[in-house]
Amino acid sequence: MPTRSGESFASPPPASTGQEMFPIEKTYFSSIEQVFVQELLLEISEKREGRRRLQGALGGRWLRGAPGGQRLRGAR
């Protein structure tokens, strides 16, 4: 059966529901991509944790829509 043009060798089988993509260890990623993704997830979780601490320090006056908390600094 010929593969569709433009289809990457790393793409999941056509019958995939998307559930096969988790956890990271069971993916089609190469080991380098795997390390990159794990570091990215760690970085994201650290940022979330930092945001939670910041929210606590501000007494809950956290602007939910502020991108990266940059608007927070100039906010009154």
Protein backbone atom coordinates (compact mmCIF):
# COMPACT_ATOMS: atom_id res chain seq x y z
CA MET A 1 0.00 0.00 0.00
CA PRO A 2 1.60 3.30 -1.08
CA THR A 3 2.07 5.96 1.55
CA ARG A 4 0.41 9.34 1.12
CA SER A 5 2.73 12.02 -0.21
CA GLY A 6 4.15 14.31 2.45
CA GLU A 7 3.53 11.75 5.16
CA SER A 8 6.40 11.62 7.64
CA PHE A 9 7.92 8.26 8.56
CA ALA A 10 7.33 9.22 12.21
CA SER A 11 3.56 9.64 11.84
CA PRO A 12 1.41 7.14 13.78
CA PRO A 13 -0.52 4.38 11.99
CA PRO A 14 -3.75 5.54 10.28
CA ALA A 15 -5.92 3.74 12.85
CA SER A 16 -4.37 5.78 15.65
CA THR A 17 -6.76 7.41 18.12
CA GLY A 18 -4.05 9.64 19.55
CA GLN A 19 -4.00 7.69 22.81
CA GLU A 20 -0.83 5.91 21.67
CA MET A 21 1.09 9.18 21.88
CA PHE A 22 1.15 9.09 25.71
CA PRO A 23 3.15 8.53 27.79
CA ILE A 24 6.29 10.01 26.17
CA GLU A 25 8.20 6.72 26.42
CA LYS A 26 5.81 4.98 24.02
CA THR A 27 5.99 7.57 21.25
CA TYR A 28 7.63 7.52 17.85
CA PHE A 29 10.11 10.22 18.92
CA SER A 30 13.83 9.69 18.51
CA SER A 31 15.79 9.78 21.76
CA ILE A 32 16.99 13.34 21.08
CA GLU A 33 13.43 14.55 20.50
CA GLN A 34 12.35 12.64 23.61
CA VAL A 35 14.90 14.46 25.78
CA PHE A 36 13.88 17.78 24.25
CA VAL A 37 10.19 17.17 24.92
CA GLN A 38 10.84 16.05 28.50
CA GLU A 39 12.93 19.17 29.16
CA LEU A 40 10.18 21.30 27.62
CA LEU A 41 7.52 19.70 29.82
CA LEU A 42 9.73 20.20 32.88
CA GLU A 43 10.24 23.86 31.97
CA ILE A 44 6.49 24.37 31.53
CA SER A 45 5.71 22.77 34.89
CA GLU A 46 8.39 24.90 36.58
CA LYS A 47 6.87 28.04 35.07
CA ARG A 48 3.42 27.01 36.29
CA GLU A 49 4.84 26.42 39.76
CA GLY A 50 6.58 29.81 39.75
CA ARG A 51 3.36 31.48 38.64
CA ARG A 52 1.50 29.83 41.53
CA ARG A 53 4.08 31.11 44.03
CA LEU A 54 3.90 34.57 42.50
CA GLN A 55 0.12 34.51 42.76
CA GLY A 56 0.40 33.62 46.44
CA ALA A 57 2.89 36.44 47.06
CA LEU A 58 0.55 38.92 45.41
CA GLY A 59 -2.34 37.83 47.58
CA GLY A 60 -4.20 36.36 44.61
CA ARG A 61 -4.16 39.56 42.54
CA TRP A 62 -2.89 37.63 39.53
CA LEU A 63 -3.94 38.81 36.09
CA ARG A 64 -4.94 35.61 34.34
CA GLY A 65 -4.62 37.06 30.86
CA ALA A 66 -1.16 38.57 31.28
CA PRO A 67 1.27 36.84 28.88
CA GLY A 68 4.21 35.59 30.91
CA GLY A 69 3.28 38.02 33.66
CA GLN A 70 4.89 40.90 31.79
CA ARG A 71 1.92 43.23 32.16
CA LEU A 72 1.87 42.51 35.87
CA ARG A 73 5.00 44.59 36.56
CA GLY A 74 3.47 47.81 35.22
CA ALA A 75 0.00 47.06 36.60
CA ARG A 76 -1.32 49.23 39.39
